[in-house]
Amino acid sequence: MWAWLKKLFRRLAKHRIDDKAAIISYYALWASVPLAGFLLYISTYIIGSSEKVINDLNLFSQEFFSSINPRFFTNMKIYASKIKEVGVLGIYLAVVLGLMLISRVISAIQEIYEVESRKSFFWKRLKEMLILLFSGFFLFGAFGLMGIISAFNRLVATNQAFSQYLNPYTMAIVNNFLVRVLIPFLLATFYFFALYKWIPEKKVKTSAALKSSILASVLWIAGTHVFMWYIENISLASKVFGTLSTVIIFIFWVEISSLILLLGAEISALLNEGE
C-alpha cells in the first residue's frame, strides 16, 4: 500500500496537477458566463423556463449563495430574462470558450496517462465538440432529474393524502440526502468514468476507470460540502471583497474540483498499469 502511494505521489509531482488545475480554473472563469448564458438560452426552449434551471442548483443551498452574494438569485433571474439578447455572436463565443476549456481538460488527462496524441487537427476539434455536447446534454439531464425531484417534493408538500402518512422532517432528510449527496455522487461518478475511460487515446480498463471515478466522486462531494460549510461559517471573503467574492469563490471551487478530477485521472492511470 505504501509503495503504491509513493508511486502515486511521484506521479502527482511529475505531472504537476496543481498547475494544471489552476490553468483549467482560469479557462473555466472565462467560459462560465457565456456558457451559463447559452445554457439558460437553450433551457428556455427545452425546459420552458430558464428560472427552473436556476432554482434547481440544489447541490448548493440558497443559504450558501446568500452568504457570498445576497443578490445571486435575483441577478441570475435578471440575466435569464435578458438572455435572448445574446444572439448568434454570444452563442459562438460560448462555444469557442467552451471548446478551449475542454481542450485544456483533454490535454491534462492525456499527459497524466502519458499518451501523445497523434490524431489530426480535425479529429481533435471534433472530439472536443463531442465532449462539449456530451457535457451539455449531461447537464440538461441532471437539471431535468433535479426538476422531477423538486416537482415530486412540491406534490408531497401540497397533497394532503401524502402529508398524512409522511413525516415532513423525515422527508426533508431524505430529500437532502438524495439531492445533495446520492444523485450528485451518481452523476459525478458517471461523468468522471466517461472522462477517464474514453478521453485517453489508449485502452483503459473499465475497472480502473470505475474505481477511480467512484473515489473522485466521493472526494468531490465531500470537498464541496466542506467548502460550502467553510464559506458559510468561517470565510470572510464576502465581507472583505464584497460582490467580487463570488468570482474568487467560484475560481477556488473550480480549482478544487479540477484537482480532484485530475487526481482521479492519476489514480486511474496507475490502476490501468496494473499497479
Protein backbone atom coordinates (compact mmCIF):
# COMPACT_ATOMS: atom_id res chain seq x y z
CA MET A 1 0.00 0.00 0.00
CA TRP A 2 2.75 2.44 0.99
CA ALA A 3 4.69 1.58 -2.17
CA TRP A 4 1.58 2.29 -4.26
CA LEU A 5 1.03 5.64 -2.51
CA LYS A 6 4.67 6.60 -3.10
CA LYS A 7 4.23 5.89 -6.82
CA LEU A 8 1.08 8.00 -6.84
CA PHE A 9 2.80 10.94 -5.13
CA ARG A 10 5.70 10.71 -7.59
CA ARG A 11 3.24 10.86 -10.47
CA LEU A 12 1.46 13.84 -8.91
CA ALA A 13 4.77 15.69 -8.56
CA LYS A 14 5.83 14.73 -12.08
CA HIS A 15 2.63 15.88 -13.77
CA ARG A 16 2.09 18.99 -11.58
CA ILE A 17 -1.66 18.59 -11.37
CA ASP A 18 -1.87 21.70 -9.18
CA ASP A 19 -0.62 23.83 -12.08
CA LYS A 20 -2.98 22.07 -14.50
CA ALA A 21 -5.93 22.64 -12.16
CA ALA A 22 -5.08 26.35 -11.94
CA ILE A 23 -5.00 26.62 -15.75
CA ILE A 24 -8.33 24.80 -16.06
CA SER A 25 -9.93 27.09 -13.47
CA TYR A 26 -8.63 30.14 -15.39
CA TYR A 27 -10.30 28.97 -18.60
CA ALA A 28 -13.42 27.97 -16.65
CA LEU A 29 -13.70 31.54 -15.36
CA TRP A 30 -13.71 32.97 -18.88
CA ALA A 31 -16.05 30.29 -20.22
CA SER A 32 -18.52 30.24 -17.32
CA VAL A 33 -20.54 33.39 -18.07
CA PRO A 34 -21.16 32.79 -21.81
CA LEU A 35 -21.68 29.06 -21.21
CA ALA A 36 -24.17 29.80 -18.42
CA GLY A 37 -25.92 32.21 -20.77
CA PHE A 38 -26.00 29.58 -23.52
CA LEU A 39 -27.37 27.02 -21.06
CA LEU A 40 -30.12 29.39 -19.93
CA TYR A 41 -30.85 30.33 -23.55
CA ILE A 42 -31.35 26.69 -24.58
CA SER A 43 -33.25 25.80 -21.41
CA THR A 44 -35.84 28.46 -22.24
CA TYR A 45 -36.85 26.38 -25.27
CA ILE A 46 -36.32 22.85 -23.93
CA ILE A 47 -37.43 23.08 -20.30
CA GLY A 48 -39.76 26.04 -20.78
CA SER A 49 -38.22 28.37 -18.23
CA SER A 50 -34.62 29.25 -17.51
CA GLU A 51 -35.62 30.04 -13.93
CA LYS A 52 -36.21 26.34 -13.31
CA VAL A 53 -32.56 25.71 -14.09
CA ILE A 54 -31.52 28.43 -11.64
CA ASN A 55 -33.79 27.13 -8.91
CA ASP A 56 -32.52 23.56 -9.35
CA LEU A 57 -28.96 24.34 -8.26
CA ASN A 58 -29.70 22.02 -5.37
CA LEU A 59 -26.14 20.92 -4.67
CA PHE A 60 -25.59 24.43 -3.30
CA SER A 61 -28.09 25.69 -0.78
CA GLN A 62 -29.70 29.12 -1.12
CA GLU A 63 -28.01 29.95 2.20
CA PHE A 64 -24.65 29.33 0.53
CA PHE A 65 -25.35 31.80 -2.27
CA SER A 66 -26.80 34.30 0.20
CA SER A 67 -23.63 34.13 2.28
CA ILE A 68 -21.41 35.14 -0.65
CA ASN A 69 -23.83 37.37 -2.57
CA PRO A 70 -27.36 38.01 -1.29
CA ARG A 71 -28.46 39.13 -4.77
CA PHE A 72 -27.19 36.00 -6.56
CA PHE A 73 -30.58 34.53 -7.49
CA THR A 74 -32.02 37.95 -8.28
CA ASN A 75 -29.12 38.73 -10.61
CA MET A 76 -29.36 35.31 -12.26
CA LYS A 77 -33.07 35.78 -12.93
CA ILE A 78 -32.38 39.21 -14.46
CA TYR A 79 -29.67 37.60 -16.59
CA ALA A 80 -32.13 34.87 -17.62
CA SER A 81 -34.77 37.42 -18.63
CA LYS A 82 -32.31 39.16 -20.97
CA ILE A 83 -30.72 36.04 -22.38
CA LYS A 84 -32.49 36.38 -25.74
CA GLU A 85 -30.28 39.40 -26.39
CA VAL A 86 -27.23 37.11 -26.54
CA GLY A 87 -27.62 36.49 -30.25
CA VAL A 88 -25.53 34.37 -32.60
CA LEU A 89 -22.25 36.08 -31.66
CA GLY A 90 -22.79 35.32 -27.97
CA ILE A 91 -23.55 31.67 -28.71
CA TYR A 92 -20.44 31.44 -30.90
CA LEU A 93 -18.32 32.95 -28.11
CA ALA A 94 -19.77 30.46 -25.61
CA VAL A 95 -18.93 27.51 -27.88
CA VAL A 96 -15.39 28.74 -28.59
CA LEU A 97 -14.59 29.34 -24.92
CA GLY A 98 -16.19 26.02 -24.01
CA LEU A 99 -14.01 24.25 -26.57
CA MET A 100 -10.90 25.96 -25.18
CA LEU A 101 -11.82 24.75 -21.68
CA ILE A 102 -12.45 21.19 -22.90
CA SER A 103 -9.16 21.27 -24.81
CA ARG A 104 -7.24 22.04 -21.60
CA VAL A 105 -9.02 19.22 -19.75
CA ILE A 106 -8.23 16.75 -22.56
CA SER A 107 -4.57 17.82 -22.70
CA ALA A 108 -4.20 17.43 -18.93
CA ILE A 109 -5.73 13.94 -18.92
CA GLN A 110 -3.68 12.84 -21.93
CA GLU A 111 -0.49 13.98 -20.19
CA ILE A 112 -1.46 12.19 -16.98
CA TYR A 113 -1.99 8.96 -18.93
CA GLU A 114 1.33 9.72 -20.68
CA VAL A 115 -0.23 9.49 -24.11
CA GLU A 116 0.94 11.62 -27.01
CA SER A 117 -1.93 12.46 -29.31
CA ARG A 118 -1.32 11.52 -32.92
CA LYS A 119 -4.73 12.47 -34.21
CA SER A 120 -5.28 15.12 -36.87
CA PHE A 121 -6.29 18.69 -36.13
CA PHE A 122 -9.80 17.98 -37.45
CA TRP A 123 -10.20 14.89 -35.24
CA LYS A 124 -9.08 16.79 -32.12
CA ARG A 125 -11.58 19.59 -32.74
CA LEU A 126 -14.34 17.05 -33.42
CA LYS A 127 -13.51 15.24 -30.19
CA GLU A 128 -13.65 18.50 -28.24
CA MET A 129 -17.01 19.38 -29.79
CA LEU A 130 -18.43 15.94 -28.99
CA ILE A 131 -17.28 16.19 -25.36
CA LEU A 132 -18.77 19.70 -25.10
CA LEU A 133 -22.09 18.41 -26.49
CA PHE A 134 -21.97 15.42 -24.15
CA SER A 135 -21.36 17.75 -21.20
CA GLY A 136 -24.28 19.95 -22.26
CA PHE A 137 -26.68 17.03 -22.60
CA PHE A 138 -25.40 15.64 -19.32
CA LEU A 139 -26.15 18.94 -17.56
CA PHE A 140 -29.65 19.09 -19.04
CA GLY A 141 -30.25 15.53 -17.90
CA ALA A 142 -29.03 16.39 -14.40
CA PHE A 143 -31.22 19.50 -14.22
CA GLY A 144 -34.17 17.53 -15.56
CA LEU A 145 -33.72 14.90 -12.87
CA MET A 146 -33.45 17.57 -10.17
CA GLY A 147 -36.57 19.20 -11.58
CA ILE A 148 -38.53 15.94 -11.34
CA ILE A 149 -37.47 15.53 -7.72
CA SER A 150 -38.40 19.14 -6.94
CA ALA A 151 -41.83 18.65 -8.58
CA PHE A 152 -42.40 15.49 -6.56
CA ASN A 153 -41.43 17.29 -3.35
CA ARG A 154 -43.90 20.08 -4.12
CA LEU A 155 -46.61 17.48 -4.77
CA VAL A 156 -45.90 15.78 -1.45
CA ALA A 157 -45.87 19.11 0.40
CA THR A 158 -49.21 20.27 -1.00
CA ASN A 159 -51.12 16.99 -1.20
CA GLN A 160 -52.99 16.12 1.99
CA ALA A 161 -53.11 12.41 1.15
CA PHE A 162 -49.30 12.28 1.20
CA SER A 163 -48.88 14.57 4.18
CA GLN A 164 -50.97 12.28 6.39
CA TYR A 165 -48.53 9.40 6.07
CA LEU A 166 -45.18 11.12 5.51
CA ASN A 167 -43.30 12.95 8.22
CA PRO A 168 -42.12 16.36 6.87
CA TYR A 169 -38.88 16.16 8.90
CA THR A 170 -38.10 12.69 7.56
CA MET A 171 -38.93 13.80 4.03
CA ALA A 172 -36.57 16.78 4.38
CA ILE A 173 -33.72 14.48 5.48
CA VAL A 174 -34.37 12.04 2.62
CA ASN A 175 -34.67 14.89 0.14
CA ASN A 176 -31.38 16.48 1.26
CA PHE A 177 -29.62 13.13 1.02
CA LEU A 178 -30.99 12.44 -2.46
CA VAL A 179 -30.48 15.90 -3.93
CA ARG A 180 -27.21 16.92 -2.28
CA VAL A 181 -25.43 13.58 -1.87
CA LEU A 182 -26.69 10.50 -3.69
CA ILE A 183 -27.75 11.93 -7.06
CA PRO A 184 -24.72 14.27 -7.39
CA PHE A 185 -22.50 11.31 -6.46
CA LEU A 186 -24.02 9.06 -9.13
CA LEU A 187 -23.90 11.81 -11.77
CA ALA A 188 -20.30 12.73 -10.91
CA THR A 189 -19.26 9.06 -10.97
CA PHE A 190 -20.76 8.63 -14.43
CA TYR A 191 -19.12 11.81 -15.74
CA PHE A 192 -15.68 11.05 -14.29
CA PHE A 193 -15.90 7.49 -15.62
CA ALA A 194 -16.65 8.79 -19.12
CA LEU A 195 -13.64 11.13 -18.98
CA TYR A 196 -11.21 8.54 -17.60
CA LYS A 197 -12.40 5.76 -19.88
CA TRP A 198 -12.74 7.47 -23.26
CA ILE A 199 -10.62 10.63 -23.33
CA PRO A 200 -7.16 8.95 -23.23
CA GLU A 201 -6.04 7.71 -26.63
CA LYS A 202 -5.20 4.30 -25.20
CA LYS A 203 -7.11 1.32 -23.86
CA VAL A 204 -8.23 1.96 -20.28
CA LYS A 205 -9.52 -0.89 -18.14
CA THR A 206 -13.12 -0.46 -17.09
CA SER A 207 -12.28 -1.45 -13.51
CA ALA A 208 -9.53 1.19 -13.30
CA ALA A 209 -11.80 3.95 -14.62
CA LEU A 210 -14.70 2.89 -12.40
CA LYS A 211 -12.72 2.63 -9.14
CA SER A 212 -11.03 5.98 -9.68
CA SER A 213 -14.28 7.69 -10.69
CA ILE A 214 -16.01 6.44 -7.52
CA LEU A 215 -13.15 7.71 -5.36
CA ALA A 216 -13.05 11.05 -7.20
CA SER A 217 -16.82 11.45 -6.77
CA VAL A 218 -16.61 10.78 -3.02
CA LEU A 219 -13.82 13.34 -2.71
CA TRP A 220 -15.72 15.87 -4.82
CA ILE A 221 -18.97 15.55 -2.86
CA ALA A 222 -17.13 15.69 0.48
CA GLY A 223 -14.89 18.54 -0.68
CA THR A 224 -17.84 20.56 -1.99
CA HIS A 225 -19.78 20.26 1.26
CA VAL A 226 -16.74 21.09 3.38
CA PHE A 227 -16.09 24.07 1.12
CA MET A 228 -19.71 25.27 1.44
CA TRP A 229 -19.56 24.90 5.22
CA TYR A 230 -16.32 26.89 5.31
CA ILE A 231 -17.72 29.71 3.18
CA GLU A 232 -20.97 29.90 5.15
CA ASN A 233 -19.41 29.75 8.62
CA ILE A 234 -15.76 30.86 8.58
CA SER A 235 -14.70 32.67 5.42
CA LEU A 236 -14.53 36.47 5.45
CA ALA A 237 -14.30 36.70 1.65
CA SER A 238 -17.75 38.21 1.17
CA LYS A 239 -17.07 40.85 3.84
CA VAL A 240 -13.62 41.75 2.51
CA PHE A 241 -14.21 41.59 -1.26
CA GLY A 242 -17.96 42.26 -1.48
CA THR A 243 -19.54 41.21 -4.79
CA LEU A 244 -16.09 40.29 -6.15
CA SER A 245 -16.08 37.40 -3.67
CA THR A 246 -18.45 35.48 -5.96
CA VAL A 247 -15.76 35.31 -8.65
CA ILE A 248 -12.99 34.47 -6.17
CA ILE A 249 -15.02 31.70 -4.52
CA PHE A 250 -16.06 30.31 -7.92
CA ILE A 251 -12.44 30.09 -9.09
CA PHE A 252 -11.39 28.45 -5.83
CA TRP A 253 -14.18 25.86 -6.06
CA VAL A 254 -13.41 25.09 -9.72
CA GLU A 255 -9.72 24.66 -8.88
CA ILE A 256 -10.57 22.23 -6.07
CA SER A 257 -12.90 20.32 -8.43
CA SER A 258 -10.20 20.26 -11.12
CA LEU A 259 -7.64 18.94 -8.64
CA ILE A 260 -10.00 16.13 -7.69
CA LEU A 261 -10.73 15.34 -11.35
CA LEU A 262 -7.02 15.17 -12.18
CA LEU A 263 -6.23 13.19 -9.02
CA GLY A 264 -8.82 10.64 -10.13
CA ALA A 265 -7.15 10.52 -13.56
CA GLU A 266 -3.77 9.85 -11.90
CA ILE A 267 -5.26 7.00 -9.86
CA SER A 268 -6.98 5.60 -12.94
CA ALA A 269 -3.74 5.73 -14.95
CA LEU A 270 -1.85 3.99 -12.14
CA LEU A 271 -4.50 1.28 -11.76
CA ASN A 272 -4.58 0.87 -15.53
CA GLU A 273 -0.90 -0.04 -15.45
CA GLY A 274 -1.75 -2.87 -13.07
CA GLU A 275 -0.14 -1.27 -10.04
